[in-house]
Amino acid sequence: MSEDTIKLVITRKGLEECISAKAKGIQLSLKWVSAGDRAYTPNRNQTTLQNELQRVEFGEYKDMGLGQIQAIAKFSGEQEYPVRELGFWLESGTLLGVISAPDTTLNYKTKNGHCIQPFTLDLSVLPSDTVTVVVGMENFNILIDDEFTQMAKAQIDTMHRQILQEFRILALENK
């Protein structure tokens, strides 16, 4: 099963907190991603993962519009486990949503290694403008590939013009 077919299940408590925030005119902060090793069909009444092993801050995110975000989390340390469940936590400590599926491994965290976990979250079922993402200290700059591509192209174009100019100068000197 691919990541594209595994959907984020918003919890009832998370949805209620978002509705309450909207009524008060405030925005909630999505702060942590947790990983566990159990594979199952998430339940909207969940308040925890079935077996949370690690919780980290978001490494980066990009707003894709229409209530969708792409994000990345980095799990590091001594533990080794298959990543089969992901939890997304509000700053208040409320579990906003869960990604998991029966008999599905999302990624693998090696002992003393790093596991970079990308994901796309569809938050369009939440009241608009109620959730923002808080990025932790480690920013990966992985999701700004379009910007890097444009900068690289501009730099290559500039170098190409400089080389052409150098050839013109050499041609003039040889006359």
C-alpha atoms as a PDB file:
ATOM      1  CA  MET A   1       0.000   0.000   0.000  1.00  0.00           C
ATOM      2  CA  SER A   2       1.508   3.339  -0.966  1.00  0.00           C
ATOM      3  CA  GLU A   3       1.551   6.465   1.191  1.00  0.00           C
ATOM      4  CA  ASP A   4      -0.843   8.106  -1.273  1.00  0.00           C
ATOM      5  CA  THR A   5      -3.608   5.640  -0.386  1.00  0.00           C
ATOM      6  CA  ILE A   6      -3.147   5.967   3.373  1.00  0.00           C
ATOM      7  CA  LYS A   7      -5.270   8.825   4.647  1.00  0.00           C
ATOM      8  CA  LEU A   8      -4.932  10.996   7.717  1.00  0.00           C
ATOM      9  CA  VAL A   9      -7.723  10.240  10.174  1.00  0.00           C
ATOM     10  CA  ILE A  10      -8.656  13.356  12.164  1.00  0.00           C
ATOM     11  CA  THR A  11      -9.556  12.558  15.771  1.00  0.00           C
ATOM     12  CA  ARG A  12     -12.817  13.757  17.330  1.00  0.00           C
ATOM     13  CA  LYS A  13     -10.939  15.557  20.099  1.00  0.00           C
ATOM     14  CA  GLY A  14      -8.670  17.250  17.542  1.00  0.00           C
ATOM     15  CA  LEU A  15     -11.645  18.352  15.427  1.00  0.00           C
ATOM     16  CA  GLU A  16     -13.484  19.678  18.498  1.00  0.00           C
ATOM     17  CA  GLU A  17     -10.415  21.683  19.531  1.00  0.00           C
ATOM     18  CA  CYS A  18     -10.191  23.184  16.013  1.00  0.00           C
ATOM     19  CA  ILE A  19     -13.890  24.107  16.009  1.00  0.00           C
ATOM     20  CA  SER A  20     -13.496  25.746  19.429  1.00  0.00           C
ATOM     21  CA  ALA A  21     -10.410  27.672  18.236  1.00  0.00           C
ATOM     22  CA  LYS A  22     -12.292  28.913  15.159  1.00  0.00           C
ATOM     23  CA  ALA A  23     -15.130  30.187  17.368  1.00  0.00           C
ATOM     24  CA  LYS A  24     -12.602  32.064  19.531  1.00  0.00           C
ATOM     25  CA  GLY A  25     -10.731  33.437  16.512  1.00  0.00           C
ATOM     26  CA  ILE A  26      -7.454  31.781  17.437  1.00  0.00           C
ATOM     27  CA  GLN A  27      -5.084  29.497  15.547  1.00  0.00           C
ATOM     28  CA  LEU A  28      -3.775  26.198  16.902  1.00  0.00           C
ATOM     29  CA  SER A  29      -0.189  25.017  16.451  1.00  0.00           C
ATOM     30  CA  LEU A  30       0.596  21.579  15.058  1.00  0.00           C
ATOM     31  CA  LYS A  31       3.894  20.910  16.807  1.00  0.00           C
ATOM     32  CA  TRP A  32       4.897  17.237  17.024  1.00  0.00           C
ATOM     33  CA  VAL A  33       4.980  14.078  14.963  1.00  0.00           C
ATOM     34  CA  SER A  34       5.164  10.741  16.734  1.00  0.00           C
ATOM     35  CA  ALA A  35       5.994   7.322  15.360  1.00  0.00           C
ATOM     36  CA  GLY A  36       5.056   3.874  16.533  1.00  0.00           C
ATOM     37  CA  ASP A  37       5.353   0.283  15.374  1.00  0.00           C
ATOM     38  CA  ARG A  38       1.706  -0.862  15.271  1.00  0.00           C
ATOM     39  CA  ALA A  39      -0.207  -1.166  11.980  1.00  0.00           C
ATOM     40  CA  TYR A  40      -4.010  -0.788  12.207  1.00  0.00           C
ATOM     41  CA  THR A  41      -7.023   1.155  11.009  1.00  0.00           C
ATOM     42  CA  PRO A  42      -7.052   4.424  13.003  1.00  0.00           C
ATOM     43  CA  ASN A  43     -10.084   5.249  15.128  1.00  0.00           C
ATOM     44  CA  ARG A  44     -11.533   8.780  15.320  1.00  0.00           C
ATOM     45  CA  ASN A  45     -11.836   8.364  19.112  1.00  0.00           C
ATOM     46  CA  GLN A  46      -8.093   7.746  19.576  1.00  0.00           C
ATOM     47  CA  THR A  47      -6.232   9.982  21.995  1.00  0.00           C
ATOM     48  CA  THR A  48      -2.839   8.237  21.672  1.00  0.00           C
ATOM     49  CA  LEU A  49      -0.996   5.993  19.256  1.00  0.00           C
ATOM     50  CA  GLN A  50      -1.222   2.280  19.995  1.00  0.00           C
ATOM     51  CA  ASN A  51       2.521   2.063  20.661  1.00  0.00           C
ATOM     52  CA  GLU A  52       4.267   5.439  20.408  1.00  0.00           C
ATOM     53  CA  LEU A  53       8.045   5.014  20.387  1.00  0.00           C
ATOM     54  CA  GLN A  54       9.311   8.489  19.499  1.00  0.00           C
ATOM     55  CA  ARG A  55       8.006  12.057  19.247  1.00  0.00           C
ATOM     56  CA  VAL A  56       9.808  14.850  17.390  1.00  0.00           C
ATOM     57  CA  GLU A  57       9.114  18.363  16.155  1.00  0.00           C
ATOM     58  CA  PHE A  58       8.344  19.010  12.501  1.00  0.00           C
ATOM     59  CA  GLY A  59      11.520  19.403  10.450  1.00  0.00           C
ATOM     60  CA  GLU A  60       9.869  21.379   7.684  1.00  0.00           C
ATOM     61  CA  TYR A  61       6.526  21.970   6.018  1.00  0.00           C
ATOM     62  CA  LYS A  62       5.105  23.530   2.893  1.00  0.00           C
ATOM     63  CA  ASP A  63       1.531  24.781   2.471  1.00  0.00           C
ATOM     64  CA  MET A  64       0.201  23.240  -0.737  1.00  0.00           C
ATOM     65  CA  GLY A  65      -3.076  25.201  -0.639  1.00  0.00           C
ATOM     66  CA  LEU A  66      -6.616  23.838  -0.430  1.00  0.00           C
ATOM     67  CA  GLY A  67      -5.987  22.635   3.116  1.00  0.00           C
ATOM     68  CA  GLN A  68      -3.049  20.372   2.292  1.00  0.00           C
ATOM     69  CA  ILE A  69       0.484  20.510   3.638  1.00  0.00           C
ATOM     70  CA  GLN A  70       3.621  18.542   2.866  1.00  0.00           C
ATOM     71  CA  ALA A  71       5.886  18.008   5.834  1.00  0.00           C
ATOM     72  CA  ILE A  72       8.931  16.102   7.038  1.00  0.00           C
ATOM     73  CA  ALA A  73       9.989  14.700  10.386  1.00  0.00           C
ATOM     74  CA  LYS A  74      13.383  13.256  11.354  1.00  0.00           C
ATOM     75  CA  PHE A  75      13.501  10.428  13.860  1.00  0.00           C
ATOM     76  CA  SER A  76      16.983   9.778  15.314  1.00  0.00           C
ATOM     77  CA  GLY A  77      18.546   7.871  18.172  1.00  0.00           C
ATOM     78  CA  GLU A  78      19.308   4.379  19.416  1.00  0.00           C
ATOM     79  CA  GLN A  79      15.888   2.815  18.853  1.00  0.00           C
ATOM     80  CA  GLU A  80      15.212   0.510  15.912  1.00  0.00           C
ATOM     81  CA  TYR A  81      11.670  -0.142  14.723  1.00  0.00           C
ATOM     82  CA  PRO A  82       9.373  -0.266  11.700  1.00  0.00           C
ATOM     83  CA  VAL A  83       7.333   2.939  11.386  1.00  0.00           C
ATOM     84  CA  ARG A  84       3.740   1.753  11.046  1.00  0.00           C
ATOM     85  CA  GLU A  85       1.811   4.540  12.718  1.00  0.00           C
ATOM     86  CA  LEU A  86       2.259   8.311  12.732  1.00  0.00           C
ATOM     87  CA  GLY A  87       0.548  10.713  15.116  1.00  0.00           C
ATOM     88  CA  PHE A  88       0.222  14.473  14.702  1.00  0.00           C
ATOM     89  CA  TRP A  89      -0.029  16.497  17.891  1.00  0.00           C
ATOM     90  CA  LEU A  90      -1.232  19.990  18.671  1.00  0.00           C
ATOM     91  CA  GLU A  91       0.840  22.152  21.005  1.00  0.00           C
ATOM     92  CA  SER A  92      -1.863  21.595  23.643  1.00  0.00           C
ATOM     93  CA  GLY A  93      -1.015  17.873  23.658  1.00  0.00           C
ATOM     94  CA  THR A  94      -4.147  16.815  21.743  1.00  0.00           C
ATOM     95  CA  LEU A  95      -3.741  14.128  19.092  1.00  0.00           C
ATOM     96  CA  LEU A  96      -5.058  15.819  15.939  1.00  0.00           C
ATOM     97  CA  GLY A  97      -4.717  12.901  13.554  1.00  0.00           C
ATOM     98  CA  VAL A  98      -3.251   9.483  12.819  1.00  0.00           C
ATOM     99  CA  ILE A  99      -1.828   7.769   9.738  1.00  0.00           C
ATOM    100  CA  SER A 100      -1.688   3.976   9.782  1.00  0.00           C
ATOM    101  CA  ALA A 101      -3.074   0.992   7.892  1.00  0.00           C
ATOM    102  CA  PRO A 102      -3.260  -2.742   8.614  1.00  0.00           C
ATOM    103  CA  ASP A 103      -0.231  -4.763   7.476  1.00  0.00           C
ATOM    104  CA  THR A 104       1.537  -1.600   6.259  1.00  0.00           C
ATOM    105  CA  THR A 105       5.028  -0.347   7.050  1.00  0.00           C
ATOM    106  CA  LEU A 106       5.498   3.359   6.282  1.00  0.00           C
ATOM    107  CA  ASN A 107       9.251   3.509   6.859  1.00  0.00           C
ATOM    108  CA  TYR A 108      12.010   1.965   8.991  1.00  0.00           C
ATOM    109  CA  LYS A 109      14.056   3.572  11.774  1.00  0.00           C
ATOM    110  CA  THR A 110      17.493   1.936  12.059  1.00  0.00           C
ATOM    111  CA  LYS A 111      19.488   1.669  15.276  1.00  0.00           C
ATOM    112  CA  ASN A 112      21.618   4.801  15.840  1.00  0.00           C
ATOM    113  CA  GLY A 113      20.451   6.091  12.453  1.00  0.00           C
ATOM    114  CA  HIS A 114      18.056   8.649  11.091  1.00  0.00           C
ATOM    115  CA  CYS A 115      14.665   8.108   9.535  1.00  0.00           C
ATOM    116  CA  ILE A 116      13.425  10.974   7.360  1.00  0.00           C
ATOM    117  CA  GLN A 117       9.646  10.605   7.130  1.00  0.00           C
ATOM    118  CA  PRO A 118       7.853  12.706   4.498  1.00  0.00           C
ATOM    119  CA  PHE A 119       4.056  12.946   4.495  1.00  0.00           C
ATOM    120  CA  THR A 120       1.178  14.924   3.060  1.00  0.00           C
ATOM    121  CA  LEU A 121      -1.629  15.931   5.395  1.00  0.00           C
ATOM    122  CA  ASP A 122      -5.105  16.776   4.131  1.00  0.00           C
ATOM    123  CA  LEU A 123      -6.443  19.254   6.687  1.00  0.00           C
ATOM    124  CA  SER A 124      -9.300  20.429   4.454  1.00  0.00           C
ATOM    125  CA  VAL A 125     -11.873  18.806   6.762  1.00  0.00           C
ATOM    126  CA  LEU A 126     -10.872  21.224   9.550  1.00  0.00           C
ATOM    127  CA  PRO A 127     -12.284  24.731   9.912  1.00  0.00           C
ATOM    128  CA  SER A 128     -10.260  27.061   7.678  1.00  0.00           C
ATOM    129  CA  ASP A 129      -7.214  28.843   9.099  1.00  0.00           C
ATOM    130  CA  THR A 130      -7.358  27.060  12.458  1.00  0.00           C
ATOM    131  CA  VAL A 131      -4.082  25.122  12.268  1.00  0.00           C
ATOM    132  CA  THR A 132      -0.540  26.244  11.557  1.00  0.00           C
ATOM    133  CA  VAL A 133       2.627  24.152  11.721  1.00  0.00           C
ATOM    134  CA  VAL A 134       5.479  24.912  14.119  1.00  0.00           C
ATOM    135  CA  VAL A 135       8.867  23.884  12.725  1.00  0.00           C
ATOM    136  CA  GLY A 136      11.485  22.783  15.215  1.00  0.00           C
ATOM    137  CA  MET A 137      15.147  23.741  15.268  1.00  0.00           C
ATOM    138  CA  GLU A 138      16.252  21.424  12.462  1.00  0.00           C
ATOM    139  CA  ASN A 139      15.068  22.619   9.068  1.00  0.00           C
ATOM    140  CA  PHE A 140      15.814  20.344   6.112  1.00  0.00           C
ATOM    141  CA  ASN A 141      14.973  22.709   3.224  1.00  0.00           C
ATOM    142  CA  ILE A 142      13.912  19.647   1.247  1.00  0.00           C
ATOM    143  CA  LEU A 143      10.521  20.957   0.247  1.00  0.00           C
ATOM    144  CA  ILE A 144      11.781  24.089  -1.512  1.00  0.00           C
ATOM    145  CA  ASP A 145      12.979  22.238  -4.597  1.00  0.00           C
ATOM    146  CA  ASP A 146      11.202  24.632  -7.005  1.00  0.00           C
ATOM    147  CA  GLU A 147      13.038  27.602  -5.513  1.00  0.00           C
ATOM    148  CA  PHE A 148      16.404  25.807  -5.682  1.00  0.00           C
ATOM    149  CA  THR A 149      15.738  24.819  -9.287  1.00  0.00           C
ATOM    150  CA  GLN A 150      15.000  28.425 -10.261  1.00  0.00           C
ATOM    151  CA  MET A 151      18.137  29.686  -8.502  1.00  0.00           C
ATOM    152  CA  ALA A 152      20.305  27.017 -10.134  1.00  0.00           C
ATOM    153  CA  LYS A 153      18.906  27.833 -13.587  1.00  0.00           C
ATOM    154  CA  ALA A 154      19.558  31.563 -13.074  1.00  0.00           C
ATOM    155  CA  GLN A 155      23.126  30.846 -11.992  1.00  0.00           C
ATOM    156  CA  ILE A 156      23.793  28.553 -14.971  1.00  0.00           C
ATOM    157  CA  ASP A 157      22.308  31.130 -17.375  1.00  0.00           C
ATOM    158  CA  THR A 158      24.606  33.802 -15.909  1.00  0.00           C
ATOM    159  CA  MET A 159      27.674  31.575 -16.264  1.00  0.00           C
ATOM    160  CA  HIS A 160      26.685  30.762 -19.859  1.00  0.00           C
ATOM    161  CA  ARG A 161      26.459  34.494 -20.717  1.00  0.00           C
ATOM    162  CA  GLN A 162      29.862  35.110 -19.090  1.00  0.00           C
ATOM    163  CA  ILE A 163      31.479  32.341 -21.150  1.00  0.00           C
ATOM    164  CA  LEU A 164      29.952  33.706 -24.383  1.00  0.00           C
ATOM    165  CA  GLN A 165      31.245  37.163 -23.480  1.00  0.00           C
ATOM    166  CA  GLU A 166      34.722  35.737 -22.841  1.00  0.00           C
ATOM    167  CA  PHE A 167      34.701  34.068 -26.285  1.00  0.00           C
ATOM    168  CA  ARG A 168      33.715  37.389 -27.885  1.00  0.00           C
ATOM    169  CA  ILE A 169      36.559  39.185 -26.115  1.00  0.00           C
ATOM    170  CA  LEU A 170      39.060  36.501 -27.208  1.00  0.00           C
ATOM    171  CA  ALA A 171      37.809  36.763 -30.819  1.00  0.00           C
ATOM    172  CA  LEU A 172      38.297  40.547 -30.763  1.00  0.00           C
ATOM    173  CA  GLU A 173      41.799  40.214 -29.335  1.00  0.00           C
ATOM    174  CA  ASN A 174      42.772  37.722 -32.058  1.00  0.00           C
ATOM    175  CA  LYS A 175      41.774  40.092 -34.895  1.00  0.00           C
END
